[in-house]
Each structure stands twice: as structure tokens, then as C-alpha cells.
Amino acid sequence: MKCIVAGHEAVTGADFAELALGTPVELWLGVDGESEEERAARLDAARDILSDPQFSDLSDDLIRLAARVVEDHPDLFNVVPLVRPSRRVPRKGVAA
């Protein structure tokens, strides 16, 4: 079954996110191995997009999208609750 959004075929989750946001996901998340210069240029472009009145709600949309992904696919994050060690204070002497 094909998923077509706004005339574009979405195959992966990243495709859906890109179509929903109107920008490539890499613009917001970066890519592995990017240089400091590439990162600065990417962040500058992201700031320009967020300052455009057309995208004034984009940051809210990003937060909603991220929350939906976390809710729908918690296994992606492999979150495991940590057990807190009990703080037992050793007692001196013998109980009567």
C-alpha cells in the first residue's frame, strides 16, 4: 500500500516528517560527521526559516510531532527506568 502525501510518496518515517514539516529532518537534527562550519550553516538556515512569518508555528509543530513519535514508538528510544539504590545507613551495636 502506497502512502501519498501532497502528491509525494512517503516510504519512511523521515519522509512523513519531512512532508509534515516542509523541511528536511536533517536541517533540525543534523547529520553524523558534520563539521563545525556545516553545523553553523545548518543552524543559521534553521533560524532563518523560524523567523519567516510563514513558519511561525513550526516550532510548535516540531514539538507536537516529536511528542507523537515518542508516544507512538516508545521502543525507538529504548528507555529503561533506572532503579535507585537504597541508602542504608549501617547501624552500630546490636538490637535488644
PDB file of N, CA and C in Angstrom:
ATOM      1  N   MET A   1       0.839  -1.172   0.000  1.00  0.00           N
ATOM      2  CA  MET A   1       0.000   0.000   0.000  1.00  0.00           C
ATOM      3  C   MET A   1       0.889   1.241   0.000  1.00  0.00           C
ATOM      4  N   LYS A   2       0.618   2.151  -0.910  1.00  0.00           N
ATOM      5  CA  LYS A   2       1.412   3.370  -1.012  1.00  0.00           C
ATOM      6  C   LYS A   2       0.788   4.472  -0.166  1.00  0.00           C
ATOM      7  N   CYS A   3       1.637   5.258   0.463  1.00  0.00           N
ATOM      8  CA  CYS A   3       1.176   6.416   1.234  1.00  0.00           C
ATOM      9  C   CYS A   3       1.610   7.664   0.480  1.00  0.00           C
ATOM     10  N   ILE A   4       0.648   8.398  -0.014  1.00  0.00           N
ATOM     11  CA  ILE A   4       0.954   9.589  -0.789  1.00  0.00           C
ATOM     12  C   ILE A   4       0.464  10.798   0.006  1.00  0.00           C
ATOM     13  N   VAL A   5       1.385  11.720   0.254  1.00  0.00           N
ATOM     14  CA  VAL A   5       1.070  12.939   0.991  1.00  0.00           C
ATOM     15  C   VAL A   5       1.408  14.120   0.090  1.00  0.00           C
ATOM     16  N   ALA A   6       0.422  14.944  -0.183  1.00  0.00           N
ATOM     17  CA  ALA A   6       0.606  16.137  -1.011  1.00  0.00           C
ATOM     18  C   ALA A   6       1.293  15.810  -2.337  1.00  0.00           C
ATOM     19  N   GLY A   7       0.914  14.689  -2.932  1.00  0.00           N
ATOM     20  CA  GLY A   7       1.465  14.306  -4.226  1.00  0.00           C
ATOM     21  C   GLY A   7       2.826  13.641  -4.170  1.00  0.00           C
ATOM     22  N   HIS A   8       3.363  13.424  -2.975  1.00  0.00           N
ATOM     23  CA  HIS A   8       4.667  12.782  -2.811  1.00  0.00           C
ATOM     24  C   HIS A   8       4.481  11.454  -2.088  1.00  0.00           C
ATOM     25  N   GLU A   9       5.231  10.442  -2.521  1.00  0.00           N
ATOM     26  CA  GLU A   9       5.143   9.141  -1.858  1.00  0.00           C
ATOM     27  C   GLU A   9       6.043   9.124  -0.634  1.00  0.00           C
ATOM     28  N   ALA A  10       5.453   8.820   0.498  1.00  0.00           N
ATOM     29  CA  ALA A  10       6.214   8.728   1.751  1.00  0.00           C
ATOM     30  C   ALA A  10       6.453   7.253   2.051  1.00  0.00           C
ATOM     31  N   VAL A  11       7.711   6.877   2.188  1.00  0.00           N
ATOM     32  CA  VAL A  11       8.066   5.484   2.424  1.00  0.00           C
ATOM     33  C   VAL A  11       8.529   5.268   3.856  1.00  0.00           C
ATOM     34  N   THR A  12       9.318   6.181   4.359  1.00  0.00           N
ATOM     35  CA  THR A  12       9.876   6.036   5.706  1.00  0.00           C
ATOM     36  C   THR A  12       9.279   7.077   6.646  1.00  0.00           C
ATOM     37  N   GLY A  13       9.548   6.906   7.920  1.00  0.00           N
ATOM     38  CA  GLY A  13       9.123   7.893   8.906  1.00  0.00           C
ATOM     39  C   GLY A  13       9.729   9.251   8.636  1.00  0.00           C
ATOM     40  N   ALA A  14      10.975   9.257   8.178  1.00  0.00           N
ATOM     41  CA  ALA A  14      11.635  10.521   7.857  1.00  0.00           C
ATOM     42  C   ALA A  14      10.924  11.226   6.700  1.00  0.00           C
ATOM     43  N   ASP A  15      10.433  10.438   5.725  1.00  0.00           N
ATOM     44  CA  ASP A  15       9.679  11.024   4.615  1.00  0.00           C
ATOM     45  C   ASP A  15       8.417  11.720   5.126  1.00  0.00           C
ATOM     46  N   PHE A  16       7.693  11.046   6.032  1.00  0.00           N
ATOM     47  CA  PHE A  16       6.481  11.640   6.596  1.00  0.00           C
ATOM     48  C   PHE A  16       6.818  12.915   7.364  1.00  0.00           C
ATOM     49  N   ALA A  17       7.885  12.884   8.142  1.00  0.00           N
ATOM     50  CA  ALA A  17       8.273  14.058   8.925  1.00  0.00           C
ATOM     51  C   ALA A  17       8.648  15.216   8.004  1.00  0.00           C
ATOM     52  N   GLU A  18       9.389  14.916   6.945  1.00  0.00           N
ATOM     53  CA  GLU A  18       9.793  15.961   6.010  1.00  0.00           C
ATOM     54  C   GLU A  18       8.575  16.569   5.320  1.00  0.00           C
ATOM     55  N   LEU A  19       7.637  15.725   4.924  1.00  0.00           N
ATOM     56  CA  LEU A  19       6.429  16.248   4.276  1.00  0.00           C
ATOM     57  C   LEU A  19       5.568  17.036   5.260  1.00  0.00           C
ATOM     58  N   ALA A  20       5.520  16.600   6.504  1.00  0.00           N
ATOM     59  CA  ALA A  20       4.720  17.305   7.507  1.00  0.00           C
ATOM     60  C   ALA A  20       5.330  18.664   7.848  1.00  0.00           C
ATOM     61  N   LEU A  21       6.652  18.718   7.935  1.00  0.00           N
ATOM     62  CA  LEU A  21       7.322  19.950   8.338  1.00  0.00           C
ATOM     63  C   LEU A  21       7.600  20.886   7.176  1.00  0.00           C
ATOM     64  N   GLY A  22       7.717  20.321   5.980  1.00  0.00           N
ATOM     65  CA  GLY A  22       8.053  21.136   4.817  1.00  0.00           C
ATOM     66  C   GLY A  22       9.533  21.420   4.711  1.00  0.00           C
ATOM     67  N   THR A  23      10.322  20.792   5.550  1.00  0.00           N
ATOM     68  CA  THR A  23      11.775  20.943   5.511  1.00  0.00           C
ATOM     69  C   THR A  23      12.405  19.579   5.756  1.00  0.00           C
ATOM     70  N   PRO A  24      13.630  19.371   5.297  1.00  0.00           N
ATOM     71  CA  PRO A  24      14.299  18.096   5.587  1.00  0.00           C
ATOM     72  C   PRO A  24      14.558  17.939   7.081  1.00  0.00           C
ATOM     73  N   VAL A  25      14.403  16.742   7.582  1.00  0.00           N
ATOM     74  CA  VAL A  25      14.623  16.453   9.002  1.00  0.00           C
ATOM     75  C   VAL A  25      16.067  16.752   9.394  1.00  0.00           C
ATOM     76  N   GLU A  26      16.992  16.520   8.475  1.00  0.00           N
ATOM     77  CA  GLU A  26      18.415  16.742   8.757  1.00  0.00           C
ATOM     78  C   GLU A  26      18.706  18.193   9.112  1.00  0.00           C
ATOM     79  N   LEU A  27      17.857  19.114   8.619  1.00  0.00           N
ATOM     80  CA  LEU A  27      18.052  20.532   8.936  1.00  0.00           C
ATOM     81  C   LEU A  27      17.956  20.766  10.434  1.00  0.00           C
ATOM     82  N   TRP A  28      17.088  20.011  11.100  1.00  0.00           N
ATOM     83  CA  TRP A  28      16.860  20.204  12.522  1.00  0.00           C
ATOM     84  C   TRP A  28      17.728  19.287  13.369  1.00  0.00           C
ATOM     85  N   LEU A  29      18.010  18.092  12.862  1.00  0.00           N
ATOM     86  CA  LEU A  29      18.748  17.107  13.661  1.00  0.00           C
ATOM     87  C   LEU A  29      20.226  17.033  13.320  1.00  0.00           C
ATOM     88  N   GLY A  30      20.612  17.509  12.156  1.00  0.00           N
ATOM     89  CA  GLY A  30      21.996  17.404  11.733  1.00  0.00           C
ATOM     90  C   GLY A  30      22.297  16.029  11.169  1.00  0.00           C
ATOM     91  N   VAL A  31      23.532  15.845  10.763  1.00  0.00           N
ATOM     92  CA  VAL A  31      23.969  14.560  10.219  1.00  0.00           C
ATOM     93  C   VAL A  31      25.264  14.146  10.912  1.00  0.00           C
ATOM     94  N   ASP A  32      25.505  12.857  10.941  1.00  0.00           N
ATOM     95  CA  ASP A  32      26.742  12.355  11.550  1.00  0.00           C
ATOM     96  C   ASP A  32      27.951  12.880  10.790  1.00  0.00           C
ATOM     97  N   GLY A  33      28.931  13.302  11.541  1.00  0.00           N
ATOM     98  CA  GLY A  33      30.195  13.719  10.952  1.00  0.00           C
ATOM     99  C   GLY A  33      30.196  15.115  10.352  1.00  0.00           C
ATOM    100  N   GLU A  34      29.184  15.935  10.635  1.00  0.00           N
ATOM    101  CA  GLU A  34      29.199  17.277  10.070  1.00  0.00           C
ATOM    102  C   GLU A  34      30.251  18.127  10.774  1.00  0.00           C
ATOM    103  N   SER A  35      30.871  19.000  10.015  1.00  0.00           N
ATOM    104  CA  SER A  35      31.912  19.863  10.581  1.00  0.00           C
ATOM    105  C   SER A  35      31.253  21.006  11.345  1.00  0.00           C
ATOM    106  N   GLU A  36      32.051  21.733  12.119  1.00  0.00           N
ATOM    107  CA  GLU A  36      31.535  22.894  12.857  1.00  0.00           C
ATOM    108  C   GLU A  36      30.996  23.944  11.891  1.00  0.00           C
ATOM    109  N   GLU A  37      31.654  24.101  10.757  1.00  0.00           N
ATOM    110  CA  GLU A  37      31.205  25.069   9.753  1.00  0.00           C
ATOM    111  C   GLU A  37      29.862  24.645   9.157  1.00  0.00           C
ATOM    112  N   GLU A  38      29.709  23.368   8.855  1.00  0.00           N
ATOM    113  CA  GLU A  38      28.439  22.851   8.330  1.00  0.00           C
ATOM    114  C   GLU A  38      27.327  22.995   9.365  1.00  0.00           C
ATOM    115  N   ARG A  39      27.663  22.706  10.622  1.00  0.00           N
ATOM    116  CA  ARG A  39      26.675  22.826  11.696  1.00  0.00           C
ATOM    117  C   ARG A  39      26.217  24.272  11.853  1.00  0.00           C
ATOM    118  N   ALA A  40      27.167  25.214  11.821  1.00  0.00           N
ATOM    119  CA  ALA A  40      26.822  26.634  11.943  1.00  0.00           C
ATOM    120  C   ALA A  40      25.938  27.079  10.783  1.00  0.00           C
ATOM    121  N   ALA A  41      26.240  26.627   9.571  1.00  0.00           N
ATOM    122  CA  ALA A  41      25.427  26.985   8.410  1.00  0.00           C
ATOM    123  C   ALA A  41      24.024  26.386   8.522  1.00  0.00           C
ATOM    124  N   ARG A  42      23.937  25.147   8.997  1.00  0.00           N
ATOM    125  CA  ARG A  42      22.638  24.483   9.163  1.00  0.00           C
ATOM    126  C   ARG A  42      21.783  25.214  10.190  1.00  0.00           C
ATOM    127  N   LEU A  43      22.385  25.559  11.326  1.00  0.00           N
ATOM    128  CA  LEU A  43      21.646  26.271  12.371  1.00  0.00           C
ATOM    129  C   LEU A  43      21.233  27.669  11.916  1.00  0.00           C
ATOM    130  N   ASP A  44      22.089  28.318  11.128  1.00  0.00           N
ATOM    131  CA  ASP A  44      21.751  29.635  10.589  1.00  0.00           C
ATOM    132  C   ASP A  44      20.542  29.530   9.654  1.00  0.00           C
ATOM    133  N   ALA A  45      20.536  28.511   8.808  1.00  0.00           N
ATOM    134  CA  ALA A  45      19.397  28.298   7.905  1.00  0.00           C
ATOM    135  C   ALA A  45      18.131  28.000   8.703  1.00  0.00           C
ATOM    136  N   ALA A  46      18.242  27.213   9.756  1.00  0.00           N
ATOM    137  CA  ALA A  46      17.082  26.889  10.595  1.00  0.00           C
ATOM    138  C   ALA A  46      16.536  28.155  11.257  1.00  0.00           C
ATOM    139  N   ARG A  47      17.429  29.019  11.744  1.00  0.00           N
ATOM    140  CA  ARG A  47      16.989  30.284  12.353  1.00  0.00           C
ATOM    141  C   ARG A  47      16.258  31.160  11.335  1.00  0.00           C
ATOM    142  N   ASP A  48      16.783  31.199  10.095  1.00  0.00           N
ATOM    143  CA  ASP A  48      16.124  31.972   9.049  1.00  0.00           C
ATOM    144  C   ASP A  48      14.716  31.451   8.789  1.00  0.00           C
ATOM    145  N   ILE A  49      14.568  30.136   8.749  1.00  0.00           N
ATOM    146  CA  ILE A  49      13.260  29.534   8.498  1.00  0.00           C
ATOM    147  C   ILE A  49      12.307  29.871   9.640  1.00  0.00           C
ATOM    148  N   LEU A  50      12.769  29.750  10.885  1.00  0.00           N
ATOM    149  CA  LEU A  50      11.903  30.035  12.030  1.00  0.00           C
ATOM    150  C   LEU A  50      11.508  31.507  12.111  1.00  0.00           C
ATOM    151  N   SER A  51      12.328  32.405  11.554  1.00  0.00           N
ATOM    152  CA  SER A  51      12.000  33.834  11.597  1.00  0.00           C
ATOM    153  C   SER A  51      11.019  34.230  10.499  1.00  0.00           C
ATOM    154  N   ASP A  52      10.809  33.380   9.503  1.00  0.00           N
ATOM    155  CA  ASP A  52       9.866  33.651   8.421  1.00  0.00           C
ATOM    156  C   ASP A  52       8.442  33.540   8.959  1.00  0.00           C
ATOM    157  N   PRO A  53       7.596  34.554   8.744  1.00  0.00           N
ATOM    158  CA  PRO A  53       6.216  34.503   9.262  1.00  0.00           C
ATOM    159  C   PRO A  53       5.435  33.267   8.792  1.00  0.00           C
ATOM    160  N   GLN A  54       5.756  32.749   7.610  1.00  0.00           N
ATOM    161  CA  GLN A  54       5.071  31.567   7.093  1.00  0.00           C
ATOM    162  C   GLN A  54       5.281  30.367   8.014  1.00  0.00           C
ATOM    163  N   PHE A  55       6.424  30.311   8.692  1.00  0.00           N
ATOM    164  CA  PHE A  55       6.751  29.189   9.557  1.00  0.00           C
ATOM    165  C   PHE A  55       6.672  29.564  11.034  1.00  0.00           C
ATOM    166  N   SER A  56       5.852  30.536  11.388  1.00  0.00           N
ATOM    167  CA  SER A  56       5.801  30.998  12.773  1.00  0.00           C
ATOM    168  C   SER A  56       5.349  29.909  13.746  1.00  0.00           C
ATOM    169  N   ASP A  57       4.556  28.935  13.275  1.00  0.00           N
ATOM    170  CA  ASP A  57       4.103  27.850  14.145  1.00  0.00           C
ATOM    171  C   ASP A  57       4.951  26.594  14.016  1.00  0.00           C
ATOM    172  N   LEU A  58       6.045  26.655  13.272  1.00  0.00           N
ATOM    173  CA  LEU A  58       6.834  25.459  13.007  1.00  0.00           C
ATOM    174  C   LEU A  58       7.423  24.862  14.274  1.00  0.00           C
ATOM    175  N   SER A  59       7.897  25.703  15.202  1.00  0.00           N
ATOM    176  CA  SER A  59       8.483  25.146  16.426  1.00  0.00           C
ATOM    177  C   SER A  59       7.423  24.375  17.215  1.00  0.00           C
ATOM    178  N   ASP A  60       6.191  24.873  17.259  1.00  0.00           N
ATOM    179  CA  ASP A  60       5.107  24.144  17.923  1.00  0.00           C
ATOM    180  C   ASP A  60       4.807  22.838  17.201  1.00  0.00           C
ATOM    181  N   ASP A  61       4.844  22.889  15.865  1.00  0.00           N
ATOM    182  CA  ASP A  61       4.601  21.681  15.076  1.00  0.00           C
ATOM    183  C   ASP A  61       5.689  20.643  15.327  1.00  0.00           C
ATOM    184  N   LEU A  62       6.937  21.100  15.444  1.00  0.00           N
ATOM    185  CA  LEU A  62       8.039  20.178  15.725  1.00  0.00           C
ATOM    186  C   LEU A  62       7.850  19.489  17.077  1.00  0.00           C
ATOM    187  N   ILE A  63       7.453  20.247  18.072  1.00  0.00           N
ATOM    188  CA  ILE A  63       7.248  19.685  19.408  1.00  0.00           C
ATOM    189  C   ILE A  63       6.102  18.681  19.384  1.00  0.00           C
ATOM    190  N   ARG A  64       5.006  19.032  18.703  1.00  0.00           N
ATOM    191  CA  ARG A  64       3.871  18.102  18.596  1.00  0.00           C
ATOM    192  C   ARG A  64       4.274  16.828  17.871  1.00  0.00           C
ATOM    193  N   LEU A  65       5.039  16.974  16.785  1.00  0.00           N
ATOM    194  CA  LEU A  65       5.486  15.811  16.024  1.00  0.00           C
ATOM    195  C   LEU A  65       6.396  14.927  16.872  1.00  0.00           C
ATOM    196  N   ALA A  66       7.325  15.536  17.597  1.00  0.00           N
ATOM    197  CA  ALA A  66       8.225  14.764  18.453  1.00  0.00           C
ATOM    198  C   ALA A  66       7.459  14.034  19.540  1.00  0.00           C
ATOM    199  N   ALA A  67       6.490  14.714  20.144  1.00  0.00           N
ATOM    200  CA  ALA A  67       5.680  14.071  21.190  1.00  0.00           C
ATOM    201  C   ALA A  67       4.888  12.901  20.626  1.00  0.00           C
ATOM    202  N   ARG A  68       4.367  13.065  19.419  1.00  0.00           N
ATOM    203  CA  ARG A  68       3.602  11.983  18.798  1.00  0.00           C
ATOM    204  C   ARG A  68       4.498  10.783  18.498  1.00  0.00           C
ATOM    205  N   VAL A  69       5.717  11.046  18.023  1.00  0.00           N
ATOM    206  CA  VAL A  69       6.645   9.948  17.727  1.00  0.00           C
ATOM    207  C   VAL A  69       7.000   9.208  19.003  1.00  0.00           C
ATOM    208  N   VAL A  70       7.281   9.930  20.075  1.00  0.00           N
ATOM    209  CA  VAL A  70       7.615   9.294  21.352  1.00  0.00           C
ATOM    210  C   VAL A  70       6.443   8.465  21.858  1.00  0.00           C
ATOM    211  N   GLU A  71       5.240   8.999  21.722  1.00  0.00           N
ATOM    212  CA  GLU A  71       4.056   8.290  22.197  1.00  0.00           C
ATOM    213  C   GLU A  71       3.756   7.053  21.350  1.00  0.00           C
ATOM    214  N   ASP A  72       3.871   7.185  20.032  1.00  0.00           N
ATOM    215  CA  ASP A  72       3.536   6.082  19.128  1.00  0.00           C
ATOM    216  C   ASP A  72       4.623   5.018  19.042  1.00  0.00           C
ATOM    217  N   HIS A  73       5.881   5.396  19.263  1.00  0.00           N
ATOM    218  CA  HIS A  73       7.001   4.461  19.099  1.00  0.00           C
ATOM    219  C   HIS A  73       7.989   4.551  20.256  1.00  0.00           C
ATOM    220  N   PRO A  74       7.558   4.240  21.476  1.00  0.00           N
ATOM    221  CA  PRO A  74       8.488   4.356  22.616  1.00  0.00           C
ATOM    222  C   PRO A  74       9.674   3.408  22.497  1.00  0.00           C
ATOM    223  N   ASP A  75       9.512   2.320  21.750  1.00  0.00           N
ATOM    224  CA  ASP A  75      10.608   1.368  21.588  1.00  0.00           C
ATOM    225  C   ASP A  75      11.789   1.970  20.830  1.00  0.00           C
ATOM    226  N   LEU A  76      11.563   3.044  20.069  1.00  0.00           N
ATOM    227  CA  LEU A  76      12.657   3.685  19.346  1.00  0.00           C
ATOM    228  C   LEU A  76      13.692   4.277  20.292  1.00  0.00           C
ATOM    229  N   PHE A  77      13.245   4.623  21.470  1.00  0.00           N
ATOM    230  CA  PHE A  77      14.126   5.296  22.409  1.00  0.00           C
ATOM    231  C   PHE A  77      14.725   4.345  23.431  1.00  0.00           C
ATOM    232  N   ASN A  78      14.225   3.119  23.474  1.00  0.00           N
ATOM    233  CA  ASN A  78      14.775   2.081  24.339  1.00  0.00           C
ATOM    234  C   ASN A  78      14.995   2.605  25.758  1.00  0.00           C
ATOM    235  N   VAL A  79      13.957   3.233  26.275  1.00  0.00           N
ATOM    236  CA  VAL A  79      14.032   3.842  27.601  1.00  0.00           C
ATOM    237  C   VAL A  79      13.805   2.776  28.658  1.00  0.00           C
ATOM    238  N   VAL A  80      14.723   2.711  29.602  1.00  0.00           N
ATOM    239  CA  VAL A  80      14.630   1.740  30.693  1.00  0.00           C
ATOM    240  C   VAL A  80      14.708   2.512  32.000  1.00  0.00           C
ATOM    241  N   PRO A  81      13.707   2.350  32.863  1.00  0.00           N
ATOM    242  CA  PRO A  81      13.790   3.071  34.144  1.00  0.00           C
ATOM    243  C   PRO A  81      14.947   2.545  34.984  1.00  0.00           C
ATOM    244  N   LEU A  82      15.641   3.450  35.596  1.00  0.00           N
ATOM    245  CA  LEU A  82      16.760   3.077  36.452  1.00  0.00           C
ATOM    246  C   LEU A  82      16.270   2.885  37.881  1.00  0.00           C
ATOM    247  N   VAL A  83      16.806   1.895  38.537  1.00  0.00           N
ATOM    248  CA  VAL A  83      16.445   1.623  39.926  1.00  0.00           C
ATOM    249  C   VAL A  83      17.391   2.410  40.809  1.00  0.00           C
ATOM    250  N   ARG A  84      16.816   3.154  41.722  1.00  0.00           N
ATOM    251  CA  ARG A  84      17.645   3.916  42.652  1.00  0.00           C
ATOM    252  C   ARG A  84      18.111   2.996  43.774  1.00  0.00           C
ATOM    253  N   PRO A  85      19.387   3.029  44.070  1.00  0.00           N
ATOM    254  CA  PRO A  85      19.858   2.204  45.185  1.00  0.00           C
ATOM    255  C   PRO A  85      19.333   2.765  46.504  1.00  0.00           C
ATOM    256  N   SER A  86      18.994   1.872  47.386  1.00  0.00           N
ATOM    257  CA  SER A  86      18.513   2.342  48.681  1.00  0.00           C
ATOM    258  C   SER A  86      19.705   2.835  49.490  1.00  0.00           C
ATOM    259  N   ARG A  87      19.476   3.856  50.259  1.00  0.00           N
ATOM    260  CA  ARG A  87      20.553   4.414  51.078  1.00  0.00           C
ATOM    261  C   ARG A  87      20.403   3.859  52.477  1.00  0.00           C
ATOM    262  N   ARG A  88      21.109   2.813  52.730  1.00  0.00           N
ATOM    263  CA  ARG A  88      21.048   2.204  54.053  1.00  0.00           C
ATOM    264  C   ARG A  88      22.238   2.655  54.863  1.00  0.00           C
ATOM    265  N   VAL A  89      21.938   3.126  56.021  1.00  0.00           N
ATOM    266  CA  VAL A  89      22.995   3.583  56.923  1.00  0.00           C
ATOM    267  C   VAL A  89      23.319   2.419  57.863  1.00  0.00           C
ATOM    268  N   PRO A  90      24.575   1.971  57.839  1.00  0.00           N
ATOM    269  CA  PRO A  90      24.916   0.853  58.742  1.00  0.00           C
ATOM    270  C   PRO A  90      24.763   1.271  60.201  1.00  0.00           C
ATOM    271  N   ARG A  91      24.196   0.401  60.985  1.00  0.00           N
ATOM    272  CA  ARG A  91      23.992   0.706  62.408  1.00  0.00           C
ATOM    273  C   ARG A  91      25.090   0.022  63.231  1.00  0.00           C
ATOM    274  N   LYS A  92      25.456   0.710  64.263  1.00  0.00           N
ATOM    275  CA  LYS A  92      26.446   0.133  65.176  1.00  0.00           C
ATOM    276  C   LYS A  92      25.726  -0.453  66.361  1.00  0.00           C
ATOM    277  N   GLY A  93      26.208  -1.527  66.853  1.00  0.00           N
ATOM    278  CA  GLY A  93      25.612  -2.149  68.029  1.00  0.00           C
ATOM    279  C   GLY A  93      24.625  -3.235  67.641  1.00  0.00           C
ATOM    280  N   VAL A  94      24.031  -3.819  68.633  1.00  0.00           N
ATOM    281  CA  VAL A  94      23.104  -4.916  68.449  1.00  0.00           C
ATOM    282  C   VAL A  94      21.738  -4.498  68.954  1.00  0.00           C
ATOM    283  N   ALA A  95      20.731  -4.875  68.218  1.00  0.00           N
ATOM    284  CA  ALA A  95      19.366  -4.562  68.662  1.00  0.00           C
ATOM    285  C   ALA A  95      19.025  -5.396  69.860  1.00  0.00           C
ATOM    286  N   ALA A  96      18.309  -4.834  70.796  1.00  0.00           N
ATOM    287  CA  ALA A  96      17.980  -5.538  72.016  1.00  0.00           C
ATOM    288  C   ALA A  96      16.767  -6.395  71.860  1.00  0.00           C
TER     289      ALA A  96
END
